Structures are given as structure tokens and as C-alpha cells.
C-alpha atoms as a PDB file:
ATOM      1  CA  MET A   1      87.730  95.331 114.473  1.00  0.00           C
ATOM      2  CA  SER A   2      84.636  96.119 112.417  1.00  0.00           C
ATOM      3  CA  ARG A   3      83.850  93.538 109.750  1.00  0.00           C
ATOM      4  CA  LEU A   4      83.353  96.262 107.170  1.00  0.00           C
ATOM      5  CA  LEU A   5      85.525  97.362 104.283  1.00  0.00           C
ATOM      6  CA  ILE A   6      85.469 100.513 102.152  1.00  0.00           C
ATOM      7  CA  GLU A   7      86.132 101.225  98.515  1.00  0.00           C
ATOM      8  CA  THR A   8      86.667 104.899  97.651  1.00  0.00           C
ATOM      9  CA  ILE A   9      86.240 105.876  94.003  1.00  0.00           C
ATOM     10  CA  LYS A  10      86.825 109.222  92.348  1.00  0.00           C
ATOM     11  CA  CYS A  11      83.768 110.580  90.570  1.00  0.00           C
ATOM     12  CA  GLU A  12      84.647 113.510  88.340  1.00  0.00           C
ATOM     13  CA  ASN A  13      81.990 115.254  86.258  1.00  0.00           C
ATOM     14  CA  GLY A  14      79.783 112.178  86.248  1.00  0.00           C
ATOM     15  CA  ARG A  15      82.552 109.677  85.484  1.00  0.00           C
ATOM     16  CA  LEU A  16      83.795 106.969  87.854  1.00  0.00           C
ATOM     17  CA  CYS A  17      87.598 106.811  87.526  1.00  0.00           C
ATOM     18  CA  ASN A  18      89.850 103.721  87.493  1.00  0.00           C
ATOM     19  CA  LEU A  19      86.852 101.438  87.985  1.00  0.00           C
ATOM     20  CA  GLU A  20      88.734  98.407  86.633  1.00  0.00           C
ATOM     21  CA  PHE A  21      91.314  98.696  89.427  1.00  0.00           C
ATOM     22  CA  HIS A  22      88.667  99.270  92.100  1.00  0.00           C
ATOM     23  CA  GLN A  23      86.740  96.217  90.883  1.00  0.00           C
ATOM     24  CA  ARG A  24      89.895  94.132  91.083  1.00  0.00           C
ATOM     25  CA  ARG A  25      90.653  95.174  94.674  1.00  0.00           C
ATOM     26  CA  PHE A  26      87.001  94.966  95.744  1.00  0.00           C
ATOM     27  CA  SER A  27      86.662  91.397  94.432  1.00  0.00           C
ATOM     28  CA  LEU A  28      89.956  90.214  95.951  1.00  0.00           C
ATOM     29  CA  ALA A  29      89.132  91.796  99.319  1.00  0.00           C
ATOM     30  CA  ARG A  30      85.655  90.245  99.412  1.00  0.00           C
ATOM     31  CA  LYS A  31      87.102  86.830  98.635  1.00  0.00           C
ATOM     32  CA  GLU A  32      89.815  87.100 101.306  1.00  0.00           C
ATOM     33  CA  TYR A  33      87.745  88.680 104.072  1.00  0.00           C
ATOM     34  CA  PHE A  34      84.254  87.324 103.552  1.00  0.00           C
ATOM     35  CA  GLY A  35      84.667  84.205 101.411  1.00  0.00           C
ATOM     36  CA  GLU A  36      82.763  85.969  98.573  1.00  0.00           C
ATOM     37  CA  ILE A  37      79.351  84.390  98.239  1.00  0.00           C
ATOM     38  CA  ASP A  38      78.487  85.991  94.906  1.00  0.00           C
ATOM     39  CA  ILE A  39      80.061  88.297  92.338  1.00  0.00           C
ATOM     40  CA  ILE A  40      79.154  91.972  92.601  1.00  0.00           C
ATOM     41  CA  LEU A  41      80.025  94.242  89.683  1.00  0.00           C
ATOM     42  CA  LEU A  42      80.553  97.819  90.818  1.00  0.00           C
ATOM     43  CA  ASN A  43      79.569  99.117  87.398  1.00  0.00           C
ATOM     44  CA  ASP A  44      76.112  97.590  87.914  1.00  0.00           C
ATOM     45  CA  VAL A  45      75.474  98.862  91.448  1.00  0.00           C
ATOM     46  CA  LEU A  46      76.982 102.361  91.320  1.00  0.00           C
ATOM     47  CA  LYS A  47      74.427 104.850  90.052  1.00  0.00           C
ATOM     48  CA  ILE A  48      75.629 108.450  90.057  1.00  0.00           C
ATOM     49  CA  PRO A  49      72.973 110.789  91.502  1.00  0.00           C
ATOM     50  CA  ASP A  50      72.094 113.903  89.530  1.00  0.00           C
ATOM     51  CA  ASP A  51      73.686 116.252  92.068  1.00  0.00           C
ATOM     52  CA  ALA A  52      77.030 114.412  91.705  1.00  0.00           C
ATOM     53  CA  LYS A  53      77.235 114.570  87.910  1.00  0.00           C
ATOM     54  CA  SER A  54      79.165 117.837  87.886  1.00  0.00           C
ATOM     55  CA  GLY A  55      82.297 118.527  89.929  1.00  0.00           C
ATOM     56  CA  LEU A  56      84.480 116.298  92.089  1.00  0.00           C
ATOM     57  CA  PHE A  57      82.954 113.708  94.406  1.00  0.00           C
ATOM     58  CA  LYS A  58      84.182 110.802  96.482  1.00  0.00           C
ATOM     59  CA  CYS A  59      82.074 107.696  95.931  1.00  0.00           C
ATOM     60  CA  ARG A  60      82.285 105.762  99.196  1.00  0.00           C
ATOM     61  CA  VAL A  61      81.197 102.115  99.079  1.00  0.00           C
ATOM     62  CA  LEU A  62      80.820 100.460 102.484  1.00  0.00           C
ATOM     63  CA  TYR A  63      80.573  96.690 102.232  1.00  0.00           C
ATOM     64  CA  SER A  64      80.695  93.340 103.988  1.00  0.00           C
ATOM     65  CA  GLY A  65      79.640  90.236 102.095  1.00  0.00           C
ATOM     66  CA  LYS A  66      77.139  92.591 100.495  1.00  0.00           C
ATOM     67  CA  ILE A  67      76.989  96.305  99.738  1.00  0.00           C
ATOM     68  CA  GLU A  68      75.976  98.064 102.956  1.00  0.00           C
ATOM     69  CA  LYS A  69      75.954 101.707 101.835  1.00  0.00           C
ATOM     70  CA  ILE A  70      76.880 103.878  98.850  1.00  0.00           C
ATOM     71  CA  GLU A  71      77.323 107.617  99.181  1.00  0.00           C
ATOM     72  CA  PHE A  72      78.657 110.411  96.993  1.00  0.00           C
ATOM     73  CA  LEU A  73      80.423 113.128  98.985  1.00  0.00           C
ATOM     74  CA  PRO A  74      81.780 116.445  97.643  1.00  0.00           C
ATOM     75  CA  HIS A  75      85.572 116.324  97.791  1.00  0.00           C
ATOM     76  CA  ASN A  76      88.054 119.032  98.713  1.00  0.00           C
ATOM     77  CA  PHE A  77      91.803 118.453  98.763  1.00  0.00           C
ATOM     78  CA  ARG A  78      93.688 118.972 102.033  1.00  0.00           C
ATOM     79  CA  SER A  79      96.712 121.249 101.993  1.00  0.00           C
ATOM     80  CA  ILE A  80      99.793 119.154 102.813  1.00  0.00           C
ATOM     81  CA  GLN A  81     103.189 120.835 103.078  1.00  0.00           C
ATOM     82  CA  SER A  82     104.937 118.803 105.783  1.00  0.00           C
ATOM     83  CA  LEU A  83     105.128 115.171 106.924  1.00  0.00           C
ATOM     84  CA  LYS A  84     106.112 113.553 110.210  1.00  0.00           C
ATOM     85  CA  LEU A  85     107.762 110.128 110.318  1.00  0.00           C
ATOM     86  CA  MET A  86     105.828 107.795 112.635  1.00  0.00           C
ATOM     87  CA  VAL A  87     107.013 104.296 113.579  1.00  0.00           C
ATOM     88  CA  ASP A  88     104.481 101.494 114.001  1.00  0.00           C
ATOM     89  CA  ASN A  89     105.678  97.933 113.468  1.00  0.00           C
ATOM     90  CA  GLU A  90     102.340  96.318 114.346  1.00  0.00           C
ATOM     91  CA  ILE A  91      99.869  98.203 112.147  1.00  0.00           C
ATOM     92  CA  ASP A  92      97.932  96.134 109.605  1.00  0.00           C
ATOM     93  CA  TYR A  93      95.917  97.868 106.909  1.00  0.00           C
ATOM     94  CA  HIS A  94      96.418  95.467 103.981  1.00  0.00           C
ATOM     95  CA  LEU A  95      92.683  95.669 103.311  1.00  0.00           C
ATOM     96  CA  LYS A  96      90.792  98.975 103.235  1.00  0.00           C
ATOM     97  CA  TYR A  97      89.116  98.543 106.608  1.00  0.00           C
ATOM     98  CA  ALA A  98      86.306 100.867 107.675  1.00  0.00           C
ATOM     99  CA  ASP A  99      87.937 100.816 111.120  1.00  0.00           C
ATOM    100  CA  ARG A 100      90.815 103.311 110.872  1.00  0.00           C
ATOM    101  CA  GLU A 101      91.356 103.678 114.626  1.00  0.00           C
ATOM    102  CA  ARG A 102      95.097 102.957 114.601  1.00  0.00           C
ATOM    103  CA  LEU A 103      95.684 105.223 111.601  1.00  0.00           C
ATOM    104  CA  ASN A 104      93.707 107.957 113.354  1.00  0.00           C
ATOM    105  CA  GLN A 105      95.837 107.552 116.487  1.00  0.00           C
ATOM    106  CA  LEU A 106      99.045 107.951 114.485  1.00  0.00           C
ATOM    107  CA  PHE A 107      97.640 110.935 112.586  1.00  0.00           C
ATOM    108  CA  GLU A 108      96.753 112.661 115.870  1.00  0.00           C
ATOM    109  CA  GLN A 109     100.441 112.505 116.841  1.00  0.00           C
ATOM    110  CA  ARG A 110     101.614 114.522 113.815  1.00  0.00           C
ATOM    111  CA  GLY A 111     102.237 117.651 115.917  1.00  0.00           C
ATOM    112  CA  ASP A 112     102.652 120.733 113.725  1.00  0.00           C
ATOM    113  CA  CYS A 113     102.957 118.660 110.523  1.00  0.00           C
ATOM    114  CA  ASP A 114     100.121 118.294 108.026  1.00  0.00           C
ATOM    115  CA  ASP A 115     100.343 114.524 107.562  1.00  0.00           C
ATOM    116  CA  ILE A 116     102.401 111.464 108.500  1.00  0.00           C
ATOM    117  CA  LEU A 117     104.630 108.896 106.823  1.00  0.00           C
ATOM    118  CA  ILE A 118     104.414 105.539 108.549  1.00  0.00           C
ATOM    119  CA  ILE A 119     107.575 103.491 109.062  1.00  0.00           C
ATOM    120  CA  LYS A 120     106.959  99.756 109.526  1.00  0.00           C
ATOM    121  CA  ASN A 121     109.837  97.353 110.147  1.00  0.00           C
ATOM    122  CA  GLY A 122     112.341 100.009 109.114  1.00  0.00           C
ATOM    123  CA  CYS A 123     110.663 100.756 105.753  1.00  0.00           C
ATOM    124  CA  ILE A 124     108.523 103.639 104.564  1.00  0.00           C
ATOM    125  CA  SER A 125     104.957 102.538 103.851  1.00  0.00           C
ATOM    126  CA  ASP A 126     102.052 104.992 103.531  1.00  0.00           C
ATOM    127  CA  SER A 127     100.766 108.345 104.691  1.00  0.00           C
ATOM    128  CA  TYR A 128      97.455 108.734 106.519  1.00  0.00           C
ATOM    129  CA  THR A 129      95.400 108.372 103.325  1.00  0.00           C
ATOM    130  CA  ALA A 130      97.853 107.862 100.462  1.00  0.00           C
ATOM    131  CA  ASN A 131     100.728 105.951  98.923  1.00  0.00           C
ATOM    132  CA  PRO A 132     103.861 108.116  98.692  1.00  0.00           C
ATOM    133  CA  VAL A 133     105.953 108.531  95.556  1.00  0.00           C
ATOM    134  CA  PHE A 134     109.501 109.934  95.646  1.00  0.00           C
ATOM    135  CA  TRP A 135     111.225 111.965  92.905  1.00  0.00           C
ATOM    136  CA  ASP A 136     114.932 111.267  92.288  1.00  0.00           C
ATOM    137  CA  GLY A 137     115.345 113.874  89.556  1.00  0.00           C
ATOM    138  CA  GLN A 138     114.409 111.497  86.741  1.00  0.00           C
ATOM    139  CA  ARG A 139     111.433 109.398  87.824  1.00  0.00           C
ATOM    140  CA  TRP A 140     108.942 108.721  90.594  1.00  0.00           C
ATOM    141  CA  TRP A 141     109.492 105.745  92.917  1.00  0.00           C
ATOM    142  CA  THR A 142     106.999 104.217  95.334  1.00  0.00           C
ATOM    143  CA  PRO A 143     107.909 101.992  98.303  1.00  0.00           C
ATOM    144  CA  ASP A 144     107.630  98.237  97.865  1.00  0.00           C
ATOM    145  CA  THR A 145     106.232  98.037 101.420  1.00  0.00           C
ATOM    146  CA  PRO A 146     102.825  99.798 101.302  1.00  0.00           C
ATOM    147  CA  LEU A 147     100.322  99.206 104.073  1.00  0.00           C
ATOM    148  CA  LEU A 148      97.619  99.187 101.407  1.00  0.00           C
ATOM    149  CA  PRO A 149      98.521  98.907  97.704  1.00  0.00           C
ATOM    150  CA  GLY A 150      96.226 101.597  96.313  1.00  0.00           C
ATOM    151  CA  THR A 151      94.306 101.560  93.048  1.00  0.00           C
ATOM    152  CA  GLN A 152      96.039 104.704  91.769  1.00  0.00           C
ATOM    153  CA  ARG A 153      99.403 103.137  92.629  1.00  0.00           C
ATOM    154  CA  ALA A 154      98.411  99.971  90.735  1.00  0.00           C
ATOM    155  CA  ARG A 155      97.347 101.957  87.661  1.00  0.00           C
ATOM    156  CA  LEU A 156     100.494 104.115  87.603  1.00  0.00           C
ATOM    157  CA  LEU A 157     102.719 101.049  88.008  1.00  0.00           C
ATOM    158  CA  GLU A 158     100.875  99.247  85.200  1.00  0.00           C
ATOM    159  CA  ASP A 159     101.234 102.343  82.987  1.00  0.00           C
ATOM    160  CA  GLY A 160     104.971 102.567  83.759  1.00  0.00           C
ATOM    161  CA  LYS A 161     104.625 106.079  85.204  1.00  0.00           C
ATOM    162  CA  ILE A 162     106.110 105.085  88.563  1.00  0.00           C
ATOM    163  CA  LYS A 163     108.562 102.390  89.641  1.00  0.00           C
ATOM    164  CA  VAL A 164     108.790 100.423  92.865  1.00  0.00           C
ATOM    165  CA  CYS A 165     111.754  99.920  95.214  1.00  0.00           C
ATOM    166  CA  ARG A 166     112.629  99.556  98.896  1.00  0.00           C
ATOM    167  CA  ILE A 167     112.747 102.968 100.614  1.00  0.00           C
ATOM    168  CA  THR A 168     113.897 103.494 104.182  1.00  0.00           C
ATOM    169  CA  PRO A 169     114.285 106.754 106.127  1.00  0.00           C
ATOM    170  CA  ALA A 170     118.026 106.579 105.402  1.00  0.00           C
ATOM    171  CA  ASP A 171     117.227 106.660 101.664  1.00  0.00           C
ATOM    172  CA  LEU A 172     115.350 109.959 101.798  1.00  0.00           C
ATOM    173  CA  ASN A 173     118.479 111.959 100.874  1.00  0.00           C
ATOM    174  CA  LYS A 174     118.359 110.271  97.439  1.00  0.00           C
ATOM    175  CA  TYR A 175     115.135 112.136  96.651  1.00  0.00           C
ATOM    176  CA  SER A 176     114.157 115.797  96.362  1.00  0.00           C
ATOM    177  CA  LYS A 177     110.343 115.575  96.464  1.00  0.00           C
ATOM    178  CA  VAL A 178     107.580 113.343  97.773  1.00  0.00           C
ATOM    179  CA  GLY A 179     104.058 113.207  96.356  1.00  0.00           C
ATOM    180  CA  LEU A 180     100.967 111.536  97.804  1.00  0.00           C
ATOM    181  CA  ILE A 181      98.733 109.516  95.470  1.00  0.00           C
ATOM    182  CA  ASN A 182      95.386 107.903  96.197  1.00  0.00           C
ATOM    183  CA  ALA A 183      92.089 107.251  94.450  1.00  0.00           C
ATOM    184  CA  MET A 184      91.335 110.972  94.391  1.00  0.00           C
ATOM    185  CA  GLN A 185      94.730 112.300  93.295  1.00  0.00           C
ATOM    186  CA  ASP A 186      97.170 111.197  90.591  1.00  0.00           C
ATOM    187  CA  LEU A 187     100.602 112.520  89.588  1.00  0.00           C
ATOM    188  CA  GLU A 188      99.009 115.669  88.151  1.00  0.00           C
ATOM    189  CA  SER A 189      96.773 116.552  91.117  1.00  0.00           C
ATOM    190  CA  MET A 190      98.713 115.174  94.111  1.00  0.00           C
ATOM    191  CA  PRO A 191     100.313 117.383  96.768  1.00  0.00           C
ATOM    192  CA  VAL A 192     104.099 117.574  96.293  1.00  0.00           C
ATOM    193  CA  ILE A 193     106.314 118.225  99.323  1.00  0.00           C
ATOM    194  CA  ASP A 194     110.015 118.994  99.581  1.00  0.00           C
ATOM    195  CA  VAL A 195     111.773 116.028 101.189  1.00  0.00           C
ATOM    196  CA  LEU A 196     113.344 118.521 103.604  1.00  0.00           C
ATOM    197  CA  SER A 197     109.826 119.047 104.985  1.00  0.00           C
ATOM    198  CA  ILE A 198     109.774 115.479 106.310  1.00  0.00           C
ATOM    199  CA  LYS A 199     110.518 115.575 110.044  1.00  0.00           C
END
């Protein structure tokens, strides 16, 4: 596996969003994976180019022990209206690895669905690029078994806007909707899918 990690940050109209949560994950990941030689503050190294100061961009930070590359890419949301359950008990994505080969392989098996929901050890974890949240008619719940605890997930949990619990495929009938949150999409901008569209 490549010894590179990625941090993806939403840049909207010249503002980097949720930077505190990205800094937290970035620092913890560097310490775990590389032994963290020195402290790098994202706020100091991320300079928004003029052509990314208006509109929606994905700031992609590729790093090892040091910052390898920073790019700002225009972002468009994918249309997601259906999800396919995929079982993989061996997948490990607890850090945001640049190498997404196994995730790509699972995604390619989605058939006529738009995205996937990965089941690991009998529990729902993540989609291809997002943490799922499930609506029970009163509040949003996110699985306590994510492959990668996302920054948006962390912020929404800290703000009390979502709650966490164990969710298995057998629990899906308790919910009416599923949303997909990640660095680029929160509860207001996420795609929302009818649970009946999970296959």
C-alpha cells in the first residue's frame, strides 16, 4: 500500500470549512502512520489560489511525513439515488489512505446502483466516499462502526445534530431515509435516499 494519506477539505467561496476537525485528524494520522517529526498547521500551509476564491472547490492535501501536494479542484456533486450492500470483512480504511484500490473494487461491483454501503463484520460502515446517516422519523443516526470516522461526522456529533448507534442490515427497517455526509456535504447538502432504494 502507498505510504501516502489524503486530507480533503471543502473550500466554499474562499473559505476552508471545518478546518479544526481536519487539523485534528491530520495530526493524529501523521502521528500514527509516520511518527510525526514536526507539527504542520494546515492554516499556515493552505493558501487559496485566486481562481478558487469563488464557488465550490475540493482542497486535496496529499501527505506523508511532509506535505507532498496541495491542489484545489472544482467540485460537482454526484447524483445518488440507490445503494447496494457490499460485504467485506477484511477492508481497512481507518486512515484516509491515498490508495483506494479495495474501495474502488467494491464500488465497481455496484451494478445498476449509484453507490455502495459496506458491511463489515455484520455492521453497516461507510459508502464509497461518505459516512451514512439514517433517519428514524425524529433524528439522524450514524453507525458506530465507520471505516473512517469523517470530519463532518465528528462535527455533527459534537454539535449534537446526529447520534451514534450500532446499525446492521436487519435494522434498516427502523429507518425511512439514509443520507451520505462527508467533508463536502453536510445535513443540508447531502444526498438523501429512501431506505427502500438500498438493495
